[in-house]
Amino acid sequence: MEYKTCLRKNIQLKTHDIKGKFGDNICIKLSSSGRRKVNSNTEIKTLIKLKKSGSTDKAIAQQLNQTYWSVVYKLRELRKTEFL
């Protein structure tokens, strides 16, 4: 039960299980759900321009060096505020 209270042990066990299932070449990244990245005006303008030109969310994320989900959520927010 140590894995429930020790983050290091939890990550170690999950890494072993994931690599066992998908192979040693897989890259595991950790992120904090409490972390929020504020996009600059330039990034937002670039995101809008790329989306309007037909780029996929994945391609936009790669170009802006952001995660796929951060782009998805930012686009959703922009649609709600009618900026997109």
C-alpha atoms as a PDB file:
ATOM      1  CA  MET A   1       0.000   0.000   0.000  1.00  0.00           C
ATOM      2  CA  GLU A   2       3.045   2.266   0.054  1.00  0.00           C
ATOM      3  CA  TYR A   3       2.332   3.263  -3.550  1.00  0.00           C
ATOM      4  CA  LYS A   4      -0.799   5.117  -2.386  1.00  0.00           C
ATOM      5  CA  THR A   5       1.129   7.490  -0.142  1.00  0.00           C
ATOM      6  CA  CYS A   6       4.501   7.656  -1.893  1.00  0.00           C
ATOM      7  CA  LEU A   7       4.463   9.405  -5.255  1.00  0.00           C
ATOM      8  CA  ARG A   8       7.904   8.073  -6.171  1.00  0.00           C
ATOM      9  CA  LYS A   9       6.818   4.458  -5.558  1.00  0.00           C
ATOM     10  CA  ASN A  10       3.555   5.027  -7.448  1.00  0.00           C
ATOM     11  CA  ILE A  11       5.384   6.388 -10.505  1.00  0.00           C
ATOM     12  CA  GLN A  12       7.933   3.593 -10.347  1.00  0.00           C
ATOM     13  CA  LEU A  13       5.224   0.903 -10.372  1.00  0.00           C
ATOM     14  CA  LYS A  14       3.204   2.545 -13.135  1.00  0.00           C
ATOM     15  CA  THR A  15       6.307   3.064 -15.265  1.00  0.00           C
ATOM     16  CA  HIS A  16       7.181  -0.619 -14.955  1.00  0.00           C
ATOM     17  CA  ASP A  17       3.625  -1.674 -15.881  1.00  0.00           C
ATOM     18  CA  ILE A  18       3.347   0.731 -18.821  1.00  0.00           C
ATOM     19  CA  LYS A  19       6.754  -0.193 -20.261  1.00  0.00           C
ATOM     20  CA  GLY A  20       5.877  -3.873 -19.818  1.00  0.00           C
ATOM     21  CA  LYS A  21       2.690  -3.362 -21.816  1.00  0.00           C
ATOM     22  CA  PHE A  22       3.926  -0.948 -24.525  1.00  0.00           C
ATOM     23  CA  GLY A  23       7.703  -1.525 -24.638  1.00  0.00           C
ATOM     24  CA  ASP A  24      10.806   0.206 -23.310  1.00  0.00           C
ATOM     25  CA  ASN A  25      10.844   2.874 -26.025  1.00  0.00           C
ATOM     26  CA  ILE A  26       7.761   4.634 -24.646  1.00  0.00           C
ATOM     27  CA  CYS A  27       8.263   8.068 -23.085  1.00  0.00           C
ATOM     28  CA  ILE A  28       6.256   8.854 -19.958  1.00  0.00           C
ATOM     29  CA  LYS A  29       5.616  12.498 -19.060  1.00  0.00           C
ATOM     30  CA  LEU A  30       4.118  13.716 -15.815  1.00  0.00           C
ATOM     31  CA  SER A  31       2.034  16.817 -15.448  1.00  0.00           C
ATOM     32  CA  SER A  32       0.257  18.611 -12.671  1.00  0.00           C
ATOM     33  CA  SER A  33      -3.447  19.198 -13.188  1.00  0.00           C
ATOM     34  CA  GLY A  34      -3.140  22.312 -11.025  1.00  0.00           C
ATOM     35  CA  ARG A  35      -0.708  23.898 -13.445  1.00  0.00           C
ATOM     36  CA  ARG A  36      -2.083  26.478 -15.838  1.00  0.00           C
ATOM     37  CA  LYS A  37      -0.126  27.976 -18.699  1.00  0.00           C
ATOM     38  CA  VAL A  38      -1.136  31.443 -19.740  1.00  0.00           C
ATOM     39  CA  ASN A  39      -0.940  31.863 -23.497  1.00  0.00           C
ATOM     40  CA  SER A  40       0.619  35.044 -24.827  1.00  0.00           C
ATOM     41  CA  ASN A  41      -1.316  37.172 -27.320  1.00  0.00           C
ATOM     42  CA  THR A  42       1.141  36.069 -30.017  1.00  0.00           C
ATOM     43  CA  GLU A  43       0.485  32.391 -29.243  1.00  0.00           C
ATOM     44  CA  ILE A  44      -3.267  32.915 -29.323  1.00  0.00           C
ATOM     45  CA  LYS A  45      -3.090  34.762 -32.656  1.00  0.00           C
ATOM     46  CA  THR A  46      -0.885  32.011 -34.085  1.00  0.00           C
ATOM     47  CA  LEU A  47      -3.257  29.332 -32.782  1.00  0.00           C
ATOM     48  CA  ILE A  48      -6.255  31.036 -34.391  1.00  0.00           C
ATOM     49  CA  LYS A  49      -4.404  31.561 -37.674  1.00  0.00           C
ATOM     50  CA  LEU A  50      -3.280  27.925 -37.815  1.00  0.00           C
ATOM     51  CA  LYS A  51      -6.736  26.584 -36.972  1.00  0.00           C
ATOM     52  CA  LYS A  52      -8.423  28.780 -39.590  1.00  0.00           C
ATOM     53  CA  SER A  53      -5.881  27.610 -42.176  1.00  0.00           C
ATOM     54  CA  GLY A  54      -6.921  23.997 -41.535  1.00  0.00           C
ATOM     55  CA  SER A  55      -4.120  22.748 -39.282  1.00  0.00           C
ATOM     56  CA  THR A  56      -4.948  19.882 -36.962  1.00  0.00           C
ATOM     57  CA  ASP A  57      -4.889  20.352 -33.192  1.00  0.00           C
ATOM     58  CA  LYS A  58      -1.928  17.960 -33.015  1.00  0.00           C
ATOM     59  CA  ALA A  59       0.046  19.969 -35.590  1.00  0.00           C
ATOM     60  CA  ILE A  60      -0.751  23.221 -33.776  1.00  0.00           C
ATOM     61  CA  ALA A  61       0.400  21.731 -30.465  1.00  0.00           C
ATOM     62  CA  GLN A  62       3.692  20.646 -32.010  1.00  0.00           C
ATOM     63  CA  GLN A  63       4.293  24.017 -33.621  1.00  0.00           C
ATOM     64  CA  LEU A  64       3.532  25.925 -30.399  1.00  0.00           C
ATOM     65  CA  ASN A  65       5.440  23.385 -28.273  1.00  0.00           C
ATOM     66  CA  GLN A  66       2.342  22.690 -26.181  1.00  0.00           C
ATOM     67  CA  THR A  67       0.401  19.573 -25.344  1.00  0.00           C
ATOM     68  CA  TYR A  68      -2.428  18.421 -27.562  1.00  0.00           C
ATOM     69  CA  TRP A  69      -4.945  18.889 -24.743  1.00  0.00           C
ATOM     70  CA  SER A  70      -3.808  22.425 -23.922  1.00  0.00           C
ATOM     71  CA  VAL A  71      -4.569  23.349 -27.544  1.00  0.00           C
ATOM     72  CA  VAL A  72      -7.934  21.569 -27.465  1.00  0.00           C
ATOM     73  CA  TYR A  73      -8.981  23.372 -24.281  1.00  0.00           C
ATOM     74  CA  LYS A  74      -7.744  26.777 -25.511  1.00  0.00           C
ATOM     75  CA  LEU A  75      -9.681  26.344 -28.785  1.00  0.00           C
ATOM     76  CA  ARG A  76     -12.792  25.414 -26.815  1.00  0.00           C
ATOM     77  CA  GLU A  77     -12.365  28.528 -24.686  1.00  0.00           C
ATOM     78  CA  LEU A  78     -11.885  30.702 -27.783  1.00  0.00           C
ATOM     79  CA  ARG A  79     -15.027  29.267 -29.399  1.00  0.00           C
ATOM     80  CA  LYS A  80     -17.077  30.051 -26.281  1.00  0.00           C
ATOM     81  CA  THR A  81     -15.875  33.655 -26.312  1.00  0.00           C
ATOM     82  CA  GLU A  82     -16.454  33.871 -30.083  1.00  0.00           C
ATOM     83  CA  PHE A  83     -12.830  34.614 -30.916  1.00  0.00           C
ATOM     84  CA  LEU A  84     -12.814  31.596 -33.231  1.00  0.00           C
END
